[in-house]
Amino acid sequence: MTIKELYPDVLTEDMEYEYKALLSPDKPVKWAKTIVGYANGNGGIMFVGVSNSGEAFGIELDEIDKTKLLIAQINDRHIFPHAKIRYMMRSVDANAEKFVLAVSVVPADSVVRYREGDFNETVYIKGDGNSTPASPEDIISLSKRKFGVDNETSEIPYEEDRWREYLELCRKYREKSSIPTIKDLQNEEIVSKEGYAKSGFIMFSDAYDGDDSLICCRLWKGKDKTGTVLDSGRYKGSLAKVFQNVLNFIERNTRTGWRKTESGGREEVRAYPKEAIREALVNAVAHRDYSIAGTQIDVDIYSDRIDIVSPGSWLLPKSYDQYPVGSIPSIRRNAIIAACLDMANLMERGGTGFQTMVESYKGSAEHLQPGVLIYPGFLDLRLFDLIYEDSTMQAVQDELSDAQKILEVLRTEGPKHIKELQIVTSYKSRSQFLSEVINPLMEDGVIYRDGNVKSPRALIKLKNRG
């Protein structure tokens, strides 16, 4: 008799199942990982007393009892949180002397691990026909799908060499250019007491390459998406590096002007206050819903505004316009990611980030104040260009930034030498031009140098980003 004849009502096409002749008590991980894999997935059934080919030979009743007891012991001692298991048994002969035991595993509400010893834990997931150890990315995905959080403890030990980009971010924004100690990270529960990184912290590691860190940036000619895309960038990987790349993109594609003062001097006027841009991006990274597969944060720069759109519903009980300006309560969707940003001195623990944006726009017209547009499934944090409507800044408004001038020349005239590009900008120092314009564009993957770095014949070309 085949197992499909014995359990025709269970073995449907969409039901996962696996066959086992017997369960060995000597090496329980060989079969326990199947239970863990089912619990971490959509559930499934492990049939005991069945050959690999699907022949249901069955086991005797006393062996059934021993098997159920063995499963209960392993579940109690080695599987955490404990898997929810149901049993069924059906005889394979007319005399009802032998039976096939069906071990049905229910999908778990949180990530299930197999534990050997005090600190050796493994997360298993179901693959094609077998259960395999989960990768750090798999664990992150599981934890988000299971209960929407980012604080699952991984098996990756914290080592500074693995988080160099994050530590550079900390040096840039923390007081005295300091970096957090492992004790600092443990106090904020970013790293476990045993020294292992939480799943949210892995997203800041140098080697992280998950698609869920993707941020897409575009510079539009005009006030909507019907215009031409003048510049674009797709950044993913370490959240620390992505964050800095996006800031660089916004910086090179927004203008700085000058306004005459009453004393006859000039004062700098930025289209967007640096504090507002940084806080808006921090908010998007910290609060987006990373469990929605196939989505990303979008940064769209128009002639009069910036829209930073992130996946995730509005979590507060009232709509945005029902809260007084600058007094939006703080609810952290991703506790560990928010803690990482807070540790880097980028996120206000008290939830005053939006207040910082409002303060940076102080004195501007009411219709230019930062705002949040709420749509089903995503949020749009909008910042307005402070010099777009200012008639005293009209001349500046019509000018392109030096980086935009470079990109426009390369698009319309083709590859150029460094000297030819420097001429179209306001830079007199070659080294300053390289460090502030050319090198950042190269680091962002927008342009590249064709030829030896020291050769005057080397050409700067646009990178094909299609």
Protein backbone atom coordinates (compact mmCIF):
# COMPACT_ATOMS: atom_id res chain seq x y z
CA MET A 1 0.00 0.00 0.00
CA THR A 2 1.25 3.48 -0.83
CA ILE A 3 0.99 6.43 1.51
CA LYS A 4 -1.21 8.24 -1.00
CA GLU A 5 -3.73 5.41 -0.86
CA LEU A 6 -3.65 5.44 2.94
CA TYR A 7 -4.03 9.24 3.34
CA PRO A 8 -5.79 10.45 0.15
CA ASP A 9 -7.63 13.16 2.13
CA VAL A 10 -4.38 14.59 3.52
CA LEU A 11 -1.95 14.37 0.63
CA THR A 12 -3.34 17.20 -1.44
CA GLU A 13 -1.14 18.99 -3.95
CA ASP A 14 -0.56 22.02 -1.73
CA MET A 15 0.27 20.08 1.46
CA GLU A 16 3.91 19.63 2.42
CA TYR A 17 4.94 16.20 3.67
CA GLU A 18 7.98 14.04 4.29
CA TYR A 19 8.52 10.30 4.79
CA LYS A 20 10.46 8.65 7.62
CA ALA A 21 10.95 4.94 8.26
CA LEU A 22 11.73 5.43 11.98
CA LEU A 23 12.83 8.31 14.19
CA SER A 24 16.25 7.72 15.72
CA PRO A 25 16.75 8.83 19.33
CA ASP A 26 20.54 8.91 18.81
CA LYS A 27 20.62 11.79 16.33
CA PRO A 28 17.29 13.56 16.73
CA VAL A 29 18.38 16.62 14.73
CA LYS A 30 18.06 14.50 11.56
CA TRP A 31 14.28 14.49 11.90
CA ALA A 32 13.66 17.31 14.39
CA LYS A 33 14.86 19.84 11.82
CA THR A 34 11.89 18.78 9.67
CA ILE A 35 9.52 19.72 12.50
CA VAL A 36 11.32 23.05 12.98
CA GLY A 37 11.26 23.71 9.22
CA TYR A 38 7.51 23.06 9.06
CA ALA A 39 6.87 25.27 12.10
CA ASN A 40 8.83 28.10 10.47
CA GLY A 41 6.93 27.69 7.22
CA ASN A 42 3.35 26.89 6.36
CA GLY A 43 3.18 23.72 8.42
CA GLY A 44 3.35 20.16 7.11
CA ILE A 45 3.14 16.47 7.91
CA MET A 46 5.90 13.98 8.65
CA PHE A 47 4.81 10.38 8.07
CA VAL A 48 6.55 7.71 10.14
CA GLY A 49 6.51 4.13 8.90
CA VAL A 50 6.89 5.04 5.24
CA SER A 51 9.79 4.34 2.88
CA ASN A 52 11.46 7.01 0.77
CA SER A 53 9.55 5.74 -2.24
CA GLY A 54 6.21 6.23 -0.47
CA GLU A 55 5.52 2.60 0.47
CA ALA A 56 3.52 2.51 3.72
CA PHE A 57 4.85 -0.51 5.63
CA GLY A 58 3.81 0.80 9.06
CA ILE A 59 5.12 0.33 12.60
CA GLU A 60 3.60 -1.46 15.60
CA LEU A 61 1.58 0.22 18.34
CA ASP A 62 4.35 0.10 20.93
CA GLU A 63 6.68 1.76 18.42
CA ILE A 64 4.00 4.41 17.82
CA ASP A 65 3.94 5.18 21.56
CA LYS A 66 7.75 5.31 21.73
CA THR A 67 7.82 7.66 18.72
CA LYS A 68 5.27 10.06 20.20
CA LEU A 69 7.15 10.07 23.52
CA LEU A 70 10.45 10.71 21.73
CA ILE A 71 8.95 13.62 19.78
CA ALA A 72 7.53 15.09 22.99
CA GLN A 73 10.93 14.86 24.73
CA ILE A 74 12.83 16.47 21.85
CA ASN A 75 10.18 19.15 21.45
CA ASP A 76 10.42 19.95 25.16
CA ARG A 77 14.23 19.91 25.44
CA HIS A 78 15.51 21.13 22.08
CA ILE A 79 12.82 23.05 20.15
CA PHE A 80 12.08 26.64 21.23
CA PRO A 81 9.46 27.89 21.23
CA HIS A 82 7.85 24.45 21.31
CA ALA A 83 6.24 23.29 18.09
CA LYS A 84 2.50 22.63 18.07
CA ILE A 85 1.98 19.03 16.98
CA ARG A 86 -1.06 16.87 16.24
CA TYR A 87 -1.07 13.12 15.56
CA MET A 88 -3.06 10.82 13.29
CA MET A 89 -2.59 7.08 12.74
CA ARG A 90 -4.03 4.63 10.22
CA SER A 91 -3.51 0.89 9.86
CA VAL A 92 -1.79 -0.55 6.82
CA ASP A 93 -3.17 -4.11 7.16
CA ALA A 94 -6.51 -5.77 7.69
CA ASN A 95 -5.54 -7.00 11.17
CA ALA A 96 -4.60 -3.48 12.33
CA GLU A 97 -1.22 -4.66 13.59
CA LYS A 98 0.87 -1.94 11.95
CA PHE A 99 0.18 1.75 11.48
CA VAL A 100 1.52 4.86 9.80
CA LEU A 101 1.86 7.75 12.21
CA ALA A 102 1.17 11.20 10.76
CA VAL A 103 2.94 13.96 12.71
CA SER A 104 1.17 17.19 11.75
CA VAL A 105 3.10 20.41 12.57
CA VAL A 106 1.21 23.70 12.90
CA PRO A 107 2.80 26.96 11.59
CA ALA A 108 4.36 28.86 14.51
CA ASP A 109 3.66 32.47 15.44
CA SER A 110 7.35 33.23 15.95
CA VAL A 111 10.70 31.94 14.69
CA VAL A 112 11.39 28.39 15.96
CA ARG A 113 14.94 27.19 16.72
CA TYR A 114 16.60 23.86 17.42
CA ARG A 115 18.84 24.19 20.48
CA GLU A 116 21.85 22.05 21.43
CA GLY A 117 23.47 23.26 24.62
CA ASP A 118 23.04 26.73 26.08
CA PHE A 119 24.15 28.85 23.12
CA ASN A 120 24.07 26.63 20.03
CA GLU A 121 20.79 27.36 18.26
CA THR A 122 19.88 26.76 14.63
CA VAL A 123 16.88 28.00 12.68
CA TYR A 124 15.76 25.55 10.00
CA ILE A 125 13.53 26.26 7.01
CA LYS A 126 11.97 23.91 4.49
CA GLY A 127 13.60 23.71 1.09
CA ASP A 128 12.91 21.43 -1.85
CA GLY A 129 12.50 18.08 -0.12
CA ASN A 130 14.63 18.82 2.92
CA SER A 131 15.20 21.23 5.81
CA THR A 132 18.27 23.45 5.77
CA PRO A 133 19.81 25.97 8.18
CA ALA A 134 18.47 29.45 7.58
CA SER A 135 20.82 32.19 6.37
CA PRO A 136 20.88 35.55 8.21
CA GLU A 137 18.68 36.97 5.44
CA ASP A 138 16.25 34.05 5.84
CA ILE A 139 16.01 34.71 9.58
CA ILE A 140 15.32 38.39 9.00
CA SER A 141 12.62 37.53 6.48
CA LEU A 142 11.11 34.95 8.84
CA SER A 143 11.02 37.28 11.81
CA LYS A 144 9.33 40.01 9.78
CA ARG A 145 6.80 37.63 8.29
CA LYS A 146 6.05 35.95 11.60
CA PHE A 147 5.55 38.89 13.89
CA GLY A 148 6.69 42.01 12.10
CA VAL A 149 9.72 42.79 14.26
CA ASP A 150 13.45 43.02 13.69
CA ASN A 151 14.82 41.77 17.00
CA GLU A 152 15.35 38.08 16.36
CA THR A 153 18.77 37.00 17.67
CA SER A 154 20.94 35.71 14.83
CA GLU A 155 23.92 33.37 14.86
CA ILE A 156 26.22 36.14 13.61
CA PRO A 157 28.65 37.36 16.31
CA TYR A 158 29.24 41.09 16.44
CA GLU A 159 32.70 41.99 15.16
CA GLU A 160 33.73 45.54 14.26
CA ASP A 161 35.22 44.40 10.94
CA ARG A 162 31.76 43.28 9.81
CA TRP A 163 30.13 46.62 10.60
CA ARG A 164 32.69 49.14 9.29
CA GLU A 165 30.14 51.15 7.29
CA TYR A 166 27.87 51.46 10.31
CA LEU A 167 30.75 52.52 12.53
CA GLU A 168 31.73 55.16 9.95
CA LEU A 169 28.17 56.46 10.13
CA CYS A 170 28.52 56.66 13.91
CA ARG A 171 31.83 58.52 13.62
CA LYS A 172 30.21 61.06 11.35
CA TYR A 173 27.25 61.92 13.56
CA ARG A 174 28.19 61.01 17.14
CA GLU A 175 29.82 63.46 19.48
CA LYS A 176 33.64 63.47 19.32
CA SER A 177 33.45 61.11 16.32
CA SER A 178 33.17 58.15 18.68
CA ILE A 179 31.94 54.64 17.92
CA PRO A 180 29.72 52.54 20.19
CA THR A 181 31.29 49.79 22.27
CA ILE A 182 29.84 46.30 22.32
CA LYS A 183 28.55 47.13 25.80
CA ASP A 184 26.69 50.13 24.35
CA LEU A 185 25.12 47.89 21.70
CA GLN A 186 24.16 45.28 24.28
CA ASN A 187 22.58 47.89 26.55
CA GLU A 188 20.28 48.86 23.67
CA GLU A 189 19.66 45.15 22.87
CA ILE A 190 21.10 45.62 19.38
CA VAL A 191 23.50 42.81 20.26
CA SER A 192 22.52 39.96 22.59
CA LYS A 193 24.22 39.35 25.95
CA GLU A 194 26.11 36.49 24.30
CA GLY A 195 27.45 38.84 21.62
CA TYR A 196 25.19 37.93 18.68
CA ALA A 197 23.67 40.54 16.37
CA LYS A 198 19.91 41.06 16.26
CA SER A 199 18.30 40.67 12.84
CA GLY A 200 17.73 44.42 12.44
CA PHE A 201 21.41 45.11 13.13
CA ILE A 202 22.43 42.66 10.41
CA MET A 203 20.81 45.04 7.92
CA PHE A 204 23.55 47.56 8.84
CA SER A 205 26.39 45.07 8.28
CA ASP A 206 28.80 45.52 5.35
CA ALA A 207 27.88 42.20 3.74
CA TYR A 208 24.11 42.73 3.80
CA ASP A 209 22.59 42.48 0.32
CA GLY A 210 18.87 42.05 0.93
CA ASP A 211 16.42 43.61 -1.51
CA ASP A 212 14.44 45.06 1.40
CA SER A 213 17.08 47.77 1.93
CA LEU A 214 16.51 49.18 -1.58
CA ILE A 215 15.92 52.93 -1.96
CA CYS A 216 15.19 54.32 -5.44
CA CYS A 217 16.01 57.98 -6.13
CA ARG A 218 14.95 60.12 -9.09
CA LEU A 219 15.36 63.75 -10.09
CA TRP A 220 12.45 64.93 -12.25
CA LYS A 221 12.29 67.86 -14.64
CA GLY A 222 9.05 69.47 -13.56
CA LYS A 223 6.47 69.03 -10.83
CA ASP A 224 5.28 65.51 -11.60
CA LYS A 225 6.36 62.18 -13.04
CA THR A 226 5.35 63.05 -16.59
CA GLY A 227 8.60 64.93 -17.05
CA THR A 228 12.08 63.70 -17.89
CA VAL A 229 14.24 61.88 -15.34
CA LEU A 230 17.43 63.96 -15.11
CA ASP A 231 19.25 61.74 -12.62
CA SER A 232 18.51 58.48 -10.83
CA GLY A 233 20.03 56.01 -8.43
CA ARG A 234 19.19 52.60 -6.97
CA TYR A 235 20.89 51.88 -3.68
CA LYS A 236 20.77 48.69 -1.64
CA GLY A 237 22.98 46.79 0.78
CA SER A 238 24.02 47.95 4.21
CA LEU A 239 21.46 50.43 5.54
CA ALA A 240 24.38 52.57 6.72
CA LYS A 241 25.80 52.85 3.19
CA VAL A 242 22.37 53.21 1.57
CA PHE A 243 21.52 56.05 3.94
CA GLN A 244 24.71 57.96 3.05
CA ASN A 245 24.32 57.32 -0.70
CA VAL A 246 20.79 58.73 -0.67
CA LEU A 247 21.91 61.82 1.26
CA ASN A 248 24.64 62.33 -1.37
CA PHE A 249 22.09 61.98 -4.18
CA ILE A 250 19.80 64.59 -2.62
CA GLU A 251 22.71 66.91 -1.88
CA ARG A 252 24.01 66.94 -5.45
CA ASN A 253 20.52 67.45 -6.88
CA THR A 254 19.33 70.33 -4.68
CA ARG A 255 20.42 73.94 -4.81
CA THR A 256 22.01 76.42 -2.45
CA GLY A 257 21.44 80.11 -3.08
CA TRP A 258 22.32 83.46 -1.55
CA ARG A 259 20.19 86.31 -0.31
CA LYS A 260 21.32 89.85 0.41
CA THR A 261 21.16 90.86 4.05
CA GLU A 262 20.18 94.26 5.45
CA SER A 263 23.84 94.96 6.19
CA GLY A 264 24.72 94.52 2.54
CA GLY A 265 26.25 91.09 2.94
CA ARG A 266 24.99 87.72 1.76
CA GLU A 267 23.52 84.77 3.62
CA GLU A 268 23.29 81.21 2.39
CA VAL A 269 19.82 79.86 1.70
CA ARG A 270 19.32 76.14 1.07
CA ALA A 271 16.39 74.85 -0.92
CA TYR A 272 15.93 72.20 1.78
CA PRO A 273 17.35 72.47 5.30
CA LYS A 274 19.91 69.73 5.93
CA GLU A 275 18.22 68.80 9.20
CA ALA A 276 14.87 68.31 7.47
CA ILE A 277 16.30 66.06 4.76
CA ARG A 278 18.23 63.94 7.25
CA GLU A 279 15.27 63.56 9.62
CA ALA A 280 12.88 62.70 6.79
CA LEU A 281 15.19 59.98 5.49
CA VAL A 282 15.83 58.62 8.99
CA ASN A 283 12.08 58.46 9.56
CA ALA A 284 11.56 56.51 6.33
CA VAL A 285 14.32 53.99 7.08
CA ALA A 286 13.27 53.51 10.71
CA HIS A 287 9.53 53.20 10.23
CA ARG A 288 8.98 51.54 6.86
CA ASP A 289 7.31 48.13 6.82
CA TYR A 290 10.10 45.75 5.78
CA SER A 291 7.76 42.75 5.73
CA ILE A 292 6.10 43.83 2.46
CA ALA A 293 8.08 41.99 -0.20
CA GLY A 294 8.86 43.69 -3.51
CA THR A 295 8.64 47.25 -2.17
CA GLN A 296 11.18 49.97 -1.53
CA ILE A 297 11.52 53.55 -0.31
CA ASP A 298 11.19 56.05 -3.16
CA VAL A 299 12.84 59.49 -3.11
CA ASP A 300 11.50 61.77 -5.84
CA ILE A 301 12.92 65.27 -6.28
CA TYR A 302 10.68 67.64 -8.25
CA SER A 303 11.23 71.26 -9.14
CA ASP A 304 9.27 72.43 -6.08
CA ARG A 305 9.43 69.58 -3.53
CA ILE A 306 10.84 66.24 -2.39
CA ASP A 307 8.57 63.25 -1.75
CA ILE A 308 9.98 60.42 0.38
CA VAL A 309 7.53 57.53 0.08
CA SER A 310 7.88 54.45 2.29
CA PRO A 311 5.78 51.25 2.54
CA GLY A 312 3.70 50.84 5.67
CA SER A 313 0.39 51.99 7.08
CA TRP A 314 -0.14 54.93 9.45
CA LEU A 315 0.13 53.47 12.97
CA LEU A 316 -1.36 56.30 15.04
CA PRO A 317 -5.05 56.38 16.04
CA LYS A 318 -5.67 59.85 14.56
CA SER A 319 -4.87 61.16 11.11
CA TYR A 320 -1.81 63.38 10.64
CA ASP A 321 -3.75 66.67 10.45
CA GLN A 322 -5.41 66.01 13.83
CA TYR A 323 -2.12 66.40 15.69
CA PRO A 324 -0.74 69.86 16.50
CA VAL A 325 2.24 70.83 14.37
CA GLY A 326 5.39 69.15 15.64
CA SER A 327 3.65 66.99 18.25
CA ILE A 328 3.24 63.66 16.46
CA PRO A 329 3.67 60.79 18.97
CA SER A 330 6.48 58.32 18.31
CA ILE A 331 5.63 54.69 17.52
CA ARG A 332 8.57 52.54 16.44
CA ARG A 333 7.65 49.87 13.92
CA ASN A 334 11.21 48.49 13.88
CA ALA A 335 12.68 48.73 17.37
CA ILE A 336 16.21 47.52 16.57
CA ILE A 337 16.63 49.51 13.36
CA ALA A 338 15.46 52.60 15.25
CA ALA A 339 17.89 51.80 18.08
CA CYS A 340 20.77 51.50 15.58
CA LEU A 341 19.95 54.94 14.17
CA ASP A 342 19.61 56.33 17.66
CA MET A 343 23.00 54.87 18.60
CA ALA A 344 24.46 56.70 15.59
CA ASN A 345 22.93 59.94 16.95
CA LEU A 346 20.59 60.14 13.97
CA MET A 347 17.27 59.45 15.62
CA GLU A 348 15.69 61.24 18.55
CA ARG A 349 14.72 58.79 21.28
CA GLY A 350 11.86 61.01 22.41
CA GLY A 351 10.23 60.97 19.00
CA THR A 352 11.11 64.63 18.27
CA GLY A 353 12.40 63.98 14.75
CA PHE A 354 9.39 65.52 13.07
CA GLN A 355 9.64 68.48 15.42
CA THR A 356 13.21 68.98 14.15
CA MET A 357 11.89 69.13 10.58
CA VAL A 358 9.27 71.69 11.57
CA GLU A 359 11.84 73.79 13.43
CA SER A 360 14.13 73.82 10.37
CA TYR A 361 11.25 75.34 8.35
CA LYS A 362 10.51 77.95 11.02
CA GLY A 363 9.55 81.30 9.50
CA SER A 364 8.44 79.77 6.19
CA ALA A 365 4.94 80.14 4.83
CA GLU A 366 2.32 77.73 6.14
CA HIS A 367 1.86 76.02 2.77
CA LEU A 368 5.60 75.24 2.70
CA GLN A 369 5.65 73.39 6.03
CA PRO A 370 6.62 69.67 6.00
CA GLY A 371 3.69 67.30 5.81
CA VAL A 372 2.67 63.64 5.73
CA LEU A 373 0.31 62.28 3.09
CA ILE A 374 -1.34 59.02 4.11
CA TYR A 375 -2.36 56.44 1.52
CA PRO A 376 -3.44 52.79 1.87
CA GLY A 377 -0.23 50.86 2.50
CA PHE A 378 2.31 53.69 2.29
CA LEU A 379 3.24 57.14 3.60
CA ASP A 380 4.55 60.17 1.73
CA LEU A 381 6.70 62.58 3.74
CA ARG A 382 6.81 65.83 1.74
CA LEU A 383 9.36 68.65 1.99
CA PHE A 384 8.99 71.86 -0.03
CA ASP A 385 11.70 73.83 -1.82
CA LEU A 386 12.18 77.06 0.15
CA ILE A 387 13.65 79.06 -2.72
CA TYR A 388 11.34 77.91 -5.51
CA GLU A 389 8.76 80.67 -4.94
CA ASP A 390 11.20 83.32 -3.67
CA SER A 391 11.50 86.02 -6.34
CA THR A 392 14.76 87.25 -4.78
CA MET A 393 16.19 83.80 -5.41
CA GLN A 394 14.90 83.40 -8.96
CA ALA A 395 18.31 83.71 -10.57
CA VAL A 396 19.70 80.99 -8.31
CA GLN A 397 16.66 78.83 -8.86
CA ASP A 398 17.24 78.74 -12.59
CA GLU A 399 20.81 77.56 -12.16
CA LEU A 400 21.88 73.95 -12.00
CA SER A 401 24.12 72.60 -9.27
CA ASP A 402 27.69 71.82 -10.31
CA ALA A 403 26.96 68.09 -10.23
CA GLN A 404 23.90 68.58 -12.42
CA LYS A 405 25.95 70.64 -14.87
CA ILE A 406 28.46 67.82 -15.14
CA LEU A 407 25.76 65.22 -15.77
CA GLU A 408 24.03 67.44 -18.35
CA VAL A 409 27.28 67.94 -20.29
CA LEU A 410 28.02 64.22 -20.29
CA ARG A 411 24.49 63.41 -21.47
CA THR A 412 24.44 65.94 -24.30
CA GLU A 413 28.09 66.04 -25.39
CA GLY A 414 29.45 62.63 -24.39
CA PRO A 415 32.63 61.70 -22.47
CA LYS A 416 34.90 64.54 -21.31
CA HIS A 417 38.27 65.09 -19.66
CA ILE A 418 38.36 66.36 -16.07
CA LYS A 419 39.66 69.74 -17.22
CA GLU A 420 36.78 70.16 -19.68
CA LEU A 421 34.23 69.39 -16.97
CA GLN A 422 35.79 71.69 -14.41
CA ILE A 423 35.41 74.64 -16.79
CA VAL A 424 31.59 74.45 -16.69
CA THR A 425 31.56 74.69 -12.88
CA SER A 426 32.47 77.36 -10.35
CA TYR A 427 35.49 75.40 -9.08
CA LYS A 428 38.98 76.88 -9.48
CA SER A 429 40.78 74.15 -7.50
CA ARG A 430 41.13 70.83 -9.32
CA SER A 431 41.55 68.86 -6.07
CA GLN A 432 38.45 70.43 -4.55
CA PHE A 433 36.50 69.78 -7.75
CA LEU A 434 37.53 66.12 -7.65
CA SER A 435 36.79 65.63 -3.94
CA GLU A 436 33.44 67.47 -3.86
CA VAL A 437 31.93 66.69 -7.28
CA ILE A 438 33.65 63.98 -9.30
CA ASN A 439 34.52 61.49 -6.55
CA PRO A 440 31.02 61.49 -4.94
CA LEU A 441 29.45 60.89 -8.36
CA MET A 442 31.84 57.99 -8.92
CA GLU A 443 31.14 56.52 -5.48
CA ASP A 444 27.42 56.65 -6.23
CA GLY A 445 27.97 54.76 -9.48
CA VAL A 446 26.71 57.63 -11.67
CA ILE A 447 29.94 58.19 -13.63
CA TYR A 448 33.25 56.37 -14.06
CA ARG A 449 36.79 57.12 -15.24
CA ASP A 450 37.87 55.36 -18.45
CA GLY A 451 41.65 55.27 -18.26
CA ASN A 452 44.45 55.62 -15.74
CA VAL A 453 43.63 57.89 -12.81
CA LYS A 454 46.83 59.90 -13.37
CA SER A 455 46.51 60.14 -17.14
CA PRO A 456 45.32 63.50 -18.57
CA ARG A 457 43.76 61.49 -21.41
CA ALA A 458 41.41 59.61 -19.08
CA LEU A 459 37.77 60.30 -19.90
CA ILE A 460 34.82 60.69 -17.54
CA LYS A 461 31.78 58.79 -18.80
CA LEU A 462 28.21 58.27 -17.68
CA LYS A 463 27.63 54.80 -16.30
CA ASN A 464 24.98 52.77 -18.10
CA ARG A 465 22.36 52.24 -15.38
CA GLY A 466 19.62 50.69 -17.41
